[in-house]
């Protein structure tokens, strides 16, 4: 199996992530046009429950598998790698089917007594088959990440996104005549179909890469050891997996439960503020289904960095190579800032035309403009959290996430129930949560590694953002450009990005060596340099 370097693995996931985000925006843009903001709200309301269940089942298991496989692979212990994969699959399959059954049994009670809109029942029921598929897929993703082979993860993500787009839009459109709740359920069934195809892609890659290993495994089992010995070995592997995954799962569970309570408390607080159920569902759908996806669009890079960072830092930590750890972390934060900054500026300066272009809805632009300034904190949060987990400090990440979640939920109850703020109260609470958690993660990394942030880099990025923002706004507002909004946006954003990239080279935040590491494009610059 071919192993990639940290940068190359990141770039492979980044390329797939960018493709997925761009493709994923197709249903994000078209779904509100098909089923409306209220339908999107019904679709979004069931997601927090799915995330909580998936977090309980798989929260830290992919990370544990990636970490243990990376360690075993560095020792060339193929038998141990197989054992880790087998035990992980047995555990996740068993627990995922149990939770799927519980989901189906308790769906009527949850949608009636916990959520404020009982129309979400069909959508909630439709998501149940997704649970075991996501669970098994996460095991294979962790395995490939531990092998530092990011191609299967990237390929499965693209296949999953393509199938989801077609199935989501088709099923929601076909079910719409039966009612908005059926249309939302159809959209969820489309997501289920995408997850199935993503899983089959991972499974195919596994068998394609492990035929020789499968033969040796059969040879090993021709003279099986005593049952007690096998049980002891399996128990030992499971203990190691649980030892790593439970703290990580706890940390992610705090975030998932926070998201779940956020949806419940937001809807209930809006009801206290005197907002009708249908309007509240539409407002929540606009926030979670329209604004948050735009803000998290550049997260394709930070996700790629976080996934690649875990095995890379784990190997460096096993070698006690502090220099490599600091180098990788600096690279991750620098890339997160440099790549995320132009998106934050565009979202702030062109919030209204952007929302009109994407959703034909300029009313939600203010929410986007409010969130744009904290976007950079979102982008650097993932690498910081991944660093804490890779360096066996998940407890610190858990505490930081818990503190941020507690503050967010308290603020939602206090602010969203205020009729003068309404949904903006929930928005403020989310922004405060992002700021608090990112700052706490940074402090924890500094204490653990004696890590030093390059404040000069922050100043350089900030200055470049201001210049880019001025250029974008100046060009877009030019009366001489008698073009449609989308054309003016394209011209303004292109000019702004060119200025921004020139600034990045001038202040030496990006250089030729960074470009050379990018697959395909890098070869062109390397040839030119030589």
Protein backbone atom coordinates (compact mmCIF):
# COMPACT_ATOMS: atom_id res chain seq x y z
CA UNK A 1 0.00 0.00 0.00
CA UNK A 2 1.45 3.33 -1.06
CA UNK A 3 2.18 5.80 1.76
CA UNK A 4 2.11 9.56 1.24
CA UNK A 5 4.02 12.30 3.01
CA UNK A 6 2.24 14.68 5.37
CA UNK A 7 1.97 17.48 2.79
CA UNK A 8 1.06 15.18 -0.09
CA UNK A 9 -1.55 13.35 1.99
CA UNK A 10 -2.98 16.69 3.05
CA UNK A 11 -3.11 17.92 -0.52
CA UNK A 12 -4.88 14.74 -1.70
CA UNK A 13 -7.53 15.16 0.97
CA UNK A 14 -7.64 18.89 0.25
CA UNK A 15 -8.30 18.31 -3.45
CA UNK A 16 -11.04 15.82 -2.61
CA UNK A 17 -12.37 18.14 0.09
CA UNK A 18 -12.58 21.10 -2.29
CA UNK A 19 -14.36 18.94 -4.88
CA UNK A 20 -16.74 17.65 -2.21
CA UNK A 21 -17.46 21.12 -0.84
CA UNK A 22 -18.10 22.53 -4.31
CA UNK A 23 -20.29 19.59 -5.29
CA UNK A 24 -21.92 19.61 -1.87
CA UNK A 25 -23.03 23.17 -2.47
CA UNK A 26 -25.24 22.00 -5.33
CA UNK A 27 -27.87 20.53 -2.98
CA UNK A 28 -27.23 23.30 -0.46
CA UNK A 29 -28.20 25.85 -3.11
CA UNK A 30 -30.97 23.91 -4.84
CA UNK A 31 -32.60 22.19 -1.83
CA UNK A 32 -33.91 25.46 -0.32
CA UNK A 33 -35.30 26.31 -3.74
CA UNK A 34 -37.08 22.93 -3.92
CA UNK A 35 -38.42 22.51 -0.37
CA UNK A 36 -37.93 26.03 1.07
CA UNK A 37 -36.24 27.18 4.27
CA UNK A 38 -38.91 25.44 6.37
CA UNK A 39 -38.21 22.10 4.63
CA UNK A 40 -34.48 22.62 5.17
CA UNK A 41 -35.27 23.27 8.83
CA UNK A 42 -37.06 19.89 9.12
CA UNK A 43 -34.13 18.22 7.37
CA UNK A 44 -31.60 19.91 9.69
CA UNK A 45 -33.51 19.20 12.93
CA UNK A 46 -32.80 15.46 12.77
CA UNK A 47 -29.09 15.88 12.09
CA UNK A 48 -28.04 16.68 15.69
CA UNK A 49 -29.44 13.32 16.86
CA UNK A 50 -27.58 11.49 14.08
CA UNK A 51 -24.34 13.25 15.00
CA UNK A 52 -24.72 12.33 18.69
CA UNK A 53 -25.39 8.66 17.87
CA UNK A 54 -22.50 8.44 15.39
CA UNK A 55 -20.21 10.16 17.89
CA UNK A 56 -21.09 7.63 20.61
CA UNK A 57 -20.39 4.74 18.23
CA UNK A 58 -17.37 5.99 16.31
CA UNK A 59 -16.27 9.26 17.95
CA UNK A 60 -12.68 8.35 18.75
CA UNK A 61 -12.38 4.95 17.07
CA UNK A 62 -11.08 6.21 13.67
CA UNK A 63 -8.44 8.27 15.47
CA UNK A 64 -7.48 5.29 17.66
CA UNK A 65 -7.28 2.99 14.63
CA UNK A 66 -5.19 5.53 12.70
CA UNK A 67 -2.84 5.96 15.65
CA UNK A 68 -2.44 2.23 16.40
CA UNK A 69 -2.15 1.22 12.75
CA UNK A 70 0.49 3.91 12.18
CA UNK A 71 2.48 2.58 15.15
CA UNK A 72 2.13 -1.07 14.07
CA UNK A 73 2.94 -0.20 10.47
CA UNK A 74 6.14 1.58 11.53
CA UNK A 75 7.14 -1.72 13.21
CA UNK A 76 6.09 -3.68 10.07
CA UNK A 77 3.72 -5.78 12.21
CA UNK A 78 1.04 -6.77 9.66
CA UNK A 79 -0.59 -9.28 12.00
CA UNK A 80 -1.19 -6.55 14.56
CA UNK A 81 -2.67 -4.28 11.89
CA UNK A 82 -5.14 -7.02 10.87
CA UNK A 83 -6.07 -7.63 14.50
CA UNK A 84 -6.76 -3.93 15.08
CA UNK A 85 -9.02 -3.81 12.02
CA UNK A 86 -10.90 -7.02 12.90
CA UNK A 87 -11.60 -6.06 16.51
CA UNK A 88 -12.69 -2.55 15.50
CA UNK A 89 -15.14 -3.89 12.90
CA UNK A 90 -16.65 -6.40 15.32
CA UNK A 91 -17.20 -3.72 17.95
CA UNK A 92 -18.63 -1.03 15.68
CA UNK A 93 -20.97 -3.37 13.78
CA UNK A 94 -22.47 -4.71 17.01
CA UNK A 95 -23.02 -1.37 18.71
CA UNK A 96 -24.23 0.40 15.54
CA UNK A 97 -27.05 -2.10 14.93
CA UNK A 98 -28.11 -1.73 18.57
CA UNK A 99 -28.39 2.05 18.23
CA UNK A 100 -30.20 1.73 14.90
CA UNK A 101 -32.88 -0.40 16.57
CA UNK A 102 -33.20 2.04 19.48
CA UNK A 103 -33.52 4.92 17.02
CA UNK A 104 -36.43 3.26 15.22
CA UNK A 105 -38.19 2.31 18.47
CA UNK A 106 -37.91 5.74 20.12
CA UNK A 107 -38.45 7.88 17.00
CA UNK A 108 -42.13 8.68 17.79
CA UNK A 109 -41.32 9.82 21.35
CA UNK A 110 -38.25 11.87 20.37
CA UNK A 111 -39.97 13.73 17.54
CA UNK A 112 -43.06 14.40 19.65
CA UNK A 113 -41.65 15.29 23.08
CA UNK A 114 -38.06 16.47 22.47
CA UNK A 115 -38.31 18.37 19.19
CA UNK A 116 -40.78 21.19 18.78
CA UNK A 117 -41.92 20.15 15.30
CA UNK A 118 -43.44 16.64 15.04
CA UNK A 119 -43.22 16.77 11.22
CA UNK A 120 -39.57 15.75 11.55
CA UNK A 121 -40.64 12.13 12.34
CA UNK A 122 -40.26 10.79 8.78
CA UNK A 123 -36.85 12.45 8.33
CA UNK A 124 -35.70 11.05 11.67
CA UNK A 125 -36.82 7.55 10.69
CA UNK A 126 -35.16 7.82 7.27
CA UNK A 127 -31.74 8.49 8.77
CA UNK A 128 -31.65 5.25 10.85
CA UNK A 129 -30.15 2.98 8.12
CA UNK A 130 -27.23 5.40 7.84
CA UNK A 131 -25.89 4.61 11.33
CA UNK A 132 -24.22 1.19 10.71
CA UNK A 133 -22.94 2.33 7.30
CA UNK A 134 -21.19 5.39 8.76
CA UNK A 135 -19.83 3.28 11.64
CA UNK A 136 -18.17 0.68 9.39
CA UNK A 137 -16.93 3.33 6.95
CA UNK A 138 -15.24 5.21 9.79
CA UNK A 139 -13.25 2.09 10.71
CA UNK A 140 -11.91 1.74 7.16
CA UNK A 141 -11.11 5.45 6.99
CA UNK A 142 -9.13 5.20 10.21
CA UNK A 143 -7.29 2.17 8.83
CA UNK A 144 -6.28 3.94 5.60
CA UNK A 145 -5.32 7.10 7.49
CA UNK A 146 -3.10 5.02 9.77
CA UNK A 147 -1.47 3.60 6.66
CA UNK A 148 -1.03 7.24 5.56
CA UNK A 149 -2.83 6.42 2.32
CA UNK A 150 -5.39 9.18 1.85
CA UNK A 151 -6.52 8.16 -1.65
CA UNK A 152 -9.32 5.75 -0.54
CA UNK A 153 -10.72 8.36 1.87
CA UNK A 154 -10.64 11.00 -0.85
CA UNK A 155 -12.21 8.71 -3.47
CA UNK A 156 -15.00 7.52 -1.17
CA UNK A 157 -15.81 11.10 -0.22
CA UNK A 158 -16.18 12.14 -3.85
CA UNK A 159 -18.36 9.12 -4.74
CA UNK A 160 -20.51 9.67 -1.66
CA UNK A 161 -21.02 13.33 -2.55
CA UNK A 162 -21.93 12.64 -6.18
CA UNK A 163 -24.51 9.97 -5.28
CA UNK A 164 -25.90 12.12 -2.46
CA UNK A 165 -26.46 15.09 -4.78
CA UNK A 166 -28.42 13.11 -7.36
CA UNK A 167 -30.40 11.04 -4.84
CA UNK A 168 -31.14 13.95 -2.50
CA UNK A 169 -32.54 16.28 -5.12
CA UNK A 170 -34.39 13.55 -7.01
CA UNK A 171 -36.10 12.04 -3.95
CA UNK A 172 -36.98 15.38 -2.35
CA UNK A 173 -38.54 16.54 -5.64
CA UNK A 174 -40.49 13.30 -6.12
CA UNK A 175 -41.82 13.31 -2.54
CA UNK A 176 -42.68 17.03 -2.46
CA UNK A 177 -46.30 16.58 -3.73
CA UNK A 178 -47.02 14.48 -0.63
CA UNK A 179 -45.98 17.32 1.69
CA UNK A 180 -42.95 19.19 2.96
CA UNK A 181 -42.23 16.54 5.64
CA UNK A 182 -42.03 13.85 2.93
CA UNK A 183 -39.71 16.02 0.85
CA UNK A 184 -37.36 16.47 3.83
CA UNK A 185 -37.42 12.69 4.42
CA UNK A 186 -36.59 12.14 0.75
CA UNK A 187 -33.58 14.42 1.10
CA UNK A 188 -32.39 12.36 4.07
CA UNK A 189 -32.82 9.10 2.12
CA UNK A 190 -30.56 10.64 -0.53
CA UNK A 191 -27.88 11.10 2.13
CA UNK A 192 -28.29 7.44 3.11
CA UNK A 193 -27.74 6.37 -0.51
CA UNK A 194 -24.55 8.47 -0.68
CA UNK A 195 -23.16 6.88 2.50
CA UNK A 196 -23.78 3.38 1.11
CA UNK A 197 -21.83 4.10 -2.07
CA UNK A 198 -19.03 5.79 -0.09
CA UNK A 199 -18.73 2.64 2.03
CA UNK A 200 -18.58 0.36 -1.01
CA UNK A 201 -15.77 2.52 -2.42
CA UNK A 202 -13.72 2.12 0.77
CA UNK A 203 -14.42 -1.61 0.87
CA UNK A 204 -13.30 -2.03 -2.73
CA UNK A 205 -10.04 -0.17 -2.04
CA UNK A 206 -9.42 -2.35 1.00
CA UNK A 207 -9.72 -5.60 -0.92
CA UNK A 208 -7.79 -4.24 -3.90
CA UNK A 209 -4.86 -3.29 -1.62
CA UNK A 210 -4.97 -6.27 0.75
CA UNK A 211 -5.23 -9.37 -1.48
CA UNK A 212 -1.77 -10.60 -0.52
CA UNK A 213 -2.45 -9.84 3.15
CA UNK A 214 -5.73 -11.76 2.96
CA UNK A 215 -3.85 -14.84 1.68
CA UNK A 216 -1.32 -14.66 4.49
CA UNK A 217 -4.18 -14.23 6.96
CA UNK A 218 -5.70 -17.51 5.69
CA UNK A 219 -2.33 -19.18 6.15
CA UNK A 220 -2.14 -17.86 9.70
CA UNK A 221 -5.58 -19.25 10.54
CA UNK A 222 -4.72 -22.72 9.18
CA UNK A 223 -3.10 -23.41 12.55
CA UNK A 224 -5.24 -21.33 14.86
CA UNK A 225 -4.01 -20.62 18.38
CA UNK A 226 -5.93 -21.60 21.44
CA UNK A 227 -9.24 -19.80 21.94
CA UNK A 228 -8.14 -18.29 25.25
CA UNK A 229 -5.03 -16.80 23.68
CA UNK A 230 -7.04 -15.29 20.84
CA UNK A 231 -9.53 -13.86 23.31
CA UNK A 232 -6.75 -12.35 25.37
CA UNK A 233 -5.20 -10.75 22.30
CA UNK A 234 -8.55 -9.41 21.10
CA UNK A 235 -9.32 -8.07 24.56
CA UNK A 236 -5.91 -6.38 24.70
CA UNK A 237 -6.42 -4.71 21.33
CA UNK A 238 -9.93 -3.61 22.28
CA UNK A 239 -8.62 -2.14 25.55
CA UNK A 240 -6.01 -0.12 23.67
CA UNK A 241 -8.60 1.10 21.17
CA UNK A 242 -10.98 2.06 23.97
CA UNK A 243 -8.18 3.67 25.97
CA UNK A 244 -7.46 6.04 23.10
CA UNK A 245 -10.97 6.45 21.74
CA UNK A 246 -13.01 6.98 24.93
CA UNK A 247 -11.43 10.35 25.88
CA UNK A 248 -11.65 11.50 22.26
CA UNK A 249 -15.26 10.27 22.03
CA UNK A 250 -16.06 12.09 25.25
CA UNK A 251 -14.61 15.29 23.82
CA UNK A 252 -16.51 14.96 20.56
CA UNK A 253 -19.64 13.90 22.42
CA UNK A 254 -19.57 17.19 24.28
CA UNK A 255 -19.57 18.96 20.92
CA UNK A 256 -22.28 16.67 19.49
CA UNK A 257 -24.52 16.99 22.54
CA UNK A 258 -23.89 20.71 22.44
CA UNK A 259 -25.15 20.75 18.84
CA UNK A 260 -28.18 18.66 19.82
CA UNK A 261 -29.07 20.87 22.79
CA UNK A 262 -28.35 23.89 20.63
CA UNK A 263 -31.08 22.84 18.18
CA UNK A 264 -33.56 22.02 20.96
CA UNK A 265 -32.88 25.13 23.03
CA UNK A 266 -32.84 27.40 19.98
CA UNK A 267 -36.28 26.21 18.88
CA UNK A 268 -37.69 26.42 22.40
CA UNK A 269 -36.14 29.85 23.03
CA UNK A 270 -37.58 31.16 19.76
CA UNK A 271 -40.97 29.86 20.89
CA UNK A 272 -40.55 31.75 24.19
CA UNK A 273 -39.71 34.85 22.15
CA UNK A 274 -43.15 34.51 20.55
CA UNK A 275 -41.99 33.27 17.14
CA UNK A 276 -44.38 30.78 15.47
CA UNK A 277 -43.18 27.19 14.98
CA UNK A 278 -43.09 27.38 11.18
CA UNK A 279 -41.12 30.65 11.18
CA UNK A 280 -38.74 29.36 13.87
CA UNK A 281 -38.09 26.19 11.84
CA UNK A 282 -37.39 28.33 8.75
CA UNK A 283 -34.99 30.60 10.70
CA UNK A 284 -33.14 27.63 12.15
CA UNK A 285 -32.97 26.08 8.68
CA UNK A 286 -31.52 29.32 7.29
CA UNK A 287 -28.83 29.44 9.98
CA UNK A 288 -27.79 25.78 9.94
CA UNK A 289 -28.63 24.93 6.32
CA UNK A 290 -27.51 28.11 4.53
CA UNK A 291 -25.13 30.25 6.61
CA UNK A 292 -23.06 27.62 8.45
CA UNK A 293 -22.25 25.70 5.21
CA UNK A 294 -20.85 28.88 3.63
CA UNK A 295 -18.76 29.65 6.71
CA UNK A 296 -17.37 26.10 6.88
CA UNK A 297 -16.63 25.84 3.14
CA UNK A 298 -12.86 26.48 3.60
CA UNK A 299 -12.93 23.76 6.28
CA UNK A 300 -11.98 21.35 3.48
CA UNK A 301 -8.36 22.35 4.09
CA UNK A 302 -8.51 22.32 7.89
CA UNK A 303 -10.17 18.89 7.83
CA UNK A 304 -7.45 17.61 5.50
CA UNK A 305 -4.75 19.05 7.74
CA UNK A 306 -6.33 17.58 10.87
CA UNK A 307 -6.64 14.09 9.34
CA UNK A 308 -3.05 14.10 8.05
CA UNK A 309 -1.70 15.68 11.23
CA UNK A 310 -2.72 12.84 13.57
CA UNK A 311 -0.57 9.99 12.13
CA UNK A 312 2.24 12.41 11.28
CA UNK A 313 2.44 13.80 14.83
CA UNK A 314 1.93 10.32 16.33
CA UNK A 315 4.97 8.99 14.46
CA UNK A 316 7.03 12.03 15.41
CA UNK A 317 5.95 11.72 19.06
CA UNK A 318 6.89 8.01 19.07
CA UNK A 319 10.37 9.04 17.88
CA UNK A 320 10.38 11.94 20.38
CA UNK A 321 11.07 14.23 17.45
CA UNK A 322 9.92 17.57 18.85
CA UNK A 323 11.38 19.49 15.91
CA UNK A 324 9.09 17.71 13.43
CA UNK A 325 6.08 18.16 15.72
CA UNK A 326 6.63 21.93 15.88
CA UNK A 327 7.29 22.10 12.15
CA UNK A 328 4.10 20.21 11.22
CA UNK A 329 1.97 22.28 13.58
CA UNK A 330 3.38 25.54 12.24
CA UNK A 331 2.65 24.34 8.70
CA UNK A 332 -0.92 23.41 9.59
CA UNK A 333 -1.75 26.71 11.29
CA UNK A 334 -0.05 28.78 8.58
CA UNK A 335 -1.90 26.96 5.79
CA UNK A 336 -5.20 27.29 7.66
CA UNK A 337 -4.78 31.04 8.06
CA UNK A 338 -3.49 31.71 4.55
CA UNK A 339 -6.19 29.67 2.81
CA UNK A 340 -9.10 30.70 5.03
CA UNK A 341 -8.49 34.47 5.13
CA UNK A 342 -9.70 35.36 1.60
CA UNK A 343 -12.93 33.41 2.13
CA UNK A 344 -13.62 35.31 5.35
CA UNK A 345 -13.11 38.65 3.56
CA UNK A 346 -15.38 37.73 0.64
CA UNK A 347 -18.11 36.55 3.04
CA UNK A 348 -17.94 39.84 4.94
CA UNK A 349 -17.66 42.28 2.04
CA UNK A 350 -20.03 40.53 -0.37
CA UNK A 351 -22.46 38.91 2.06
CA UNK A 352 -25.67 40.14 0.42
CA UNK A 353 -24.82 39.47 -3.26
CA UNK A 354 -23.40 36.09 -2.23
CA UNK A 355 -26.63 35.03 -0.49
CA UNK A 356 -28.71 36.32 -3.38
CA UNK A 357 -26.59 34.38 -5.84
CA UNK A 358 -26.61 31.13 -3.87
CA UNK A 359 -30.07 31.07 -2.31
CA UNK A 360 -31.97 33.92 -3.96
CA UNK A 361 -32.46 35.14 -0.39
CA UNK A 362 -30.81 38.39 0.69
CA UNK A 363 -32.53 38.38 4.10
CA UNK A 364 -30.01 35.90 5.53
CA UNK A 365 -27.00 38.04 4.49
CA UNK A 366 -26.75 39.80 7.85
CA UNK A 367 -26.20 36.46 9.60
CA UNK A 368 -23.34 35.68 7.21
CA UNK A 369 -21.79 39.11 7.76
CA UNK A 370 -21.95 38.66 11.52
CA UNK A 371 -20.19 35.28 11.40
CA UNK A 372 -17.49 36.15 8.83
CA UNK A 373 -15.08 37.79 11.34
CA UNK A 374 -14.88 34.63 13.49
CA UNK A 375 -14.38 32.34 10.47
CA UNK A 376 -10.57 32.30 10.87
CA UNK A 377 -10.96 30.90 14.38
CA UNK A 378 -12.98 28.01 12.93
CA UNK A 379 -10.25 27.24 10.42
CA UNK A 380 -7.38 26.99 12.94
CA UNK A 381 -9.46 25.13 15.54
CA UNK A 382 -9.34 21.73 13.77
CA UNK A 383 -5.51 21.47 13.51
CA UNK A 384 -5.13 22.56 17.13
CA UNK A 385 -7.59 19.92 18.33
CA UNK A 386 -5.96 17.25 16.17
CA UNK A 387 -2.58 18.13 17.69
CA UNK A 388 -3.91 17.67 21.24
CA UNK A 389 -5.41 14.29 20.33
CA UNK A 390 -2.31 13.05 18.52
CA UNK A 391 -0.11 14.01 21.49
CA UNK A 392 -2.26 12.03 23.96
CA UNK A 393 -3.89 15.12 25.45
CA UNK A 394 -7.57 14.51 24.52
CA UNK A 395 -8.60 15.44 28.07
CA UNK A 396 -7.56 19.03 27.50
CA UNK A 397 -9.52 19.16 24.24
CA UNK A 398 -12.52 17.69 26.09
CA UNK A 399 -12.40 20.31 28.84
CA UNK A 400 -12.04 23.16 26.35
CA UNK A 401 -14.97 21.91 24.27
CA UNK A 402 -17.11 21.47 27.38
CA UNK A 403 -16.43 25.01 28.59
CA UNK A 404 -17.29 26.46 25.18
CA UNK A 405 -20.45 24.35 24.92
CA UNK A 406 -21.66 25.37 28.38
CA UNK A 407 -21.18 29.05 27.58
CA UNK A 408 -22.96 28.65 24.23
CA UNK A 409 -26.04 26.92 25.66
CA UNK A 410 -26.40 29.46 28.48
CA UNK A 411 -26.17 32.32 25.99
CA UNK A 412 -28.74 30.71 23.67
CA UNK A 413 -31.30 30.51 26.49
CA UNK A 414 -30.57 34.08 27.55
CA UNK A 415 -30.35 35.73 24.13
CA UNK A 416 -32.51 33.73 21.69
CA UNK A 417 -35.53 34.03 23.99
CA UNK A 418 -35.25 37.83 23.72
CA UNK A 419 -37.78 39.00 21.10
CA UNK A 420 -35.42 41.81 20.05
CA UNK A 421 -32.69 39.32 19.12
CA UNK A 422 -34.43 36.06 18.23
CA UNK A 423 -32.28 33.90 15.93
CA UNK A 424 -29.44 36.45 16.20
CA UNK A 425 -29.20 35.54 19.89
CA UNK A 426 -28.35 31.96 18.88
CA UNK A 427 -25.92 33.33 16.30
CA UNK A 428 -24.08 35.38 18.94
CA UNK A 429 -23.87 32.32 21.20
CA UNK A 430 -22.33 30.22 18.39
CA UNK A 431 -19.77 32.94 17.65
CA UNK A 432 -18.73 33.19 21.31
CA UNK A 433 -18.38 29.39 21.44
CA UNK A 434 -16.04 29.39 18.42
CA UNK A 435 -13.83 32.10 19.94
CA UNK A 436 -13.63 30.51 23.39
CA UNK A 437 -12.85 26.96 22.23
CA UNK A 438 -10.18 28.05 19.73
CA UNK A 439 -8.41 30.27 22.26
CA UNK A 440 -8.48 27.51 24.90
CA UNK A 441 -7.13 24.94 22.40
CA UNK A 442 -4.29 27.29 21.51
CA UNK A 443 -3.43 27.84 25.17
CA UNK A 444 -3.39 24.06 25.75
CA UNK A 445 -1.07 23.45 22.78
CA UNK A 446 1.26 26.20 23.99
CA UNK A 447 1.44 24.60 27.45
CA UNK A 448 1.94 21.02 26.19
CA UNK A 449 4.52 21.76 23.50
CA UNK A 450 5.86 25.14 24.64
CA UNK A 451 4.63 26.09 21.19
CA UNK A 452 5.07 29.67 19.99
CA UNK A 453 2.56 31.22 17.64
CA UNK A 454 4.05 33.38 14.93
CA UNK A 455 2.23 36.64 15.72
CA UNK A 456 4.04 38.28 12.81
CA UNK A 457 2.27 35.83 10.48
CA UNK A 458 -1.06 36.90 11.96
CA UNK A 459 -0.23 40.57 11.33
CA UNK A 460 0.81 39.78 7.75
CA UNK A 461 -2.43 37.86 7.09
CA UNK A 462 -4.50 40.61 8.72
CA UNK A 463 -2.90 43.35 6.61
CA UNK A 464 -3.37 41.30 3.43
CA UNK A 465 -7.04 40.72 4.32
CA UNK A 466 -7.65 44.47 4.72
CA UNK A 467 -6.01 45.25 1.36
CA UNK A 468 -7.92 42.45 -0.37
CA UNK A 469 -11.23 43.56 1.18
CA UNK A 470 -10.70 47.14 -0.01
CA UNK A 471 -9.92 45.94 -3.54
CA UNK A 472 -12.95 43.62 -3.70
CA UNK A 473 -15.35 46.26 -2.40
CA UNK A 474 -13.94 48.99 -4.68
CA UNK A 475 -14.25 46.89 -7.83
CA UNK A 476 -17.70 45.50 -6.98
CA UNK A 477 -19.08 48.99 -6.30
CA UNK A 478 -17.74 50.44 -9.55
CA UNK A 479 -20.68 51.99 -11.46
CA UNK A 480 -18.79 51.54 -14.72
CA UNK A 481 -19.16 47.75 -14.42
CA UNK A 482 -22.62 47.45 -15.93
CA UNK A 483 -22.83 43.70 -15.40
CA UNK A 484 -24.97 41.26 -13.46
CA UNK A 485 -24.14 40.76 -9.78
CA UNK A 486 -22.56 37.35 -10.38
CA UNK A 487 -20.22 38.75 -13.07
CA UNK A 488 -19.21 41.70 -10.91
CA UNK A 489 -18.62 39.34 -7.99
CA UNK A 490 -16.46 37.10 -10.15
CA UNK A 491 -14.34 40.02 -11.38
CA UNK A 492 -14.02 41.57 -7.91
CA UNK A 493 -13.15 38.27 -6.21
CA UNK A 494 -10.62 37.31 -8.90
CA UNK A 495 -8.86 40.66 -8.64
CA UNK A 496 -8.91 40.48 -4.84
CA UNK A 497 -7.47 36.95 -4.80
CA UNK A 498 -4.68 37.94 -7.19
CA UNK A 499 -3.75 40.87 -4.96
CA UNK A 500 -3.94 38.60 -1.90
CA UNK A 501 -1.67 35.92 -3.43
CA UNK A 502 0.85 38.58 -4.48
CA UNK A 503 0.82 39.85 -0.89
CA UNK A 504 1.37 36.29 0.41
CA UNK A 505 4.49 35.95 -1.76
CA UNK A 506 5.75 39.43 -0.85
CA UNK A 507 5.48 38.83 2.90
CA UNK A 508 6.89 35.27 2.41
CA UNK A 509 3.94 33.38 3.88
CA UNK A 510 3.85 31.35 0.66
CA UNK A 511 6.92 30.52 -1.43
CA UNK A 512 7.96 28.30 -4.32
CA UNK A 513 8.68 25.36 -1.99
CA UNK A 514 5.05 25.38 -0.81
CA UNK A 515 3.81 25.34 -4.41
CA UNK A 516 6.17 22.51 -5.38
CA UNK A 517 4.62 20.26 -2.73
CA UNK A 518 1.18 20.55 -4.35
CA UNK A 519 0.46 17.48 -6.53
CA UNK A 520 0.38 18.06 -10.34
CA UNK A 521 0.76 21.87 -10.06
CA UNK A 522 3.99 21.45 -8.11
CA UNK A 523 5.66 19.53 -10.94
CA UNK A 524 5.18 22.48 -13.30
CA UNK A 525 6.85 24.92 -10.88
CA UNK A 526 9.63 22.44 -10.12
CA UNK A 527 10.39 22.05 -13.82
CA UNK A 528 10.35 25.81 -14.34
CA UNK A 529 12.71 26.29 -11.39
CA UNK A 530 15.13 23.70 -12.67
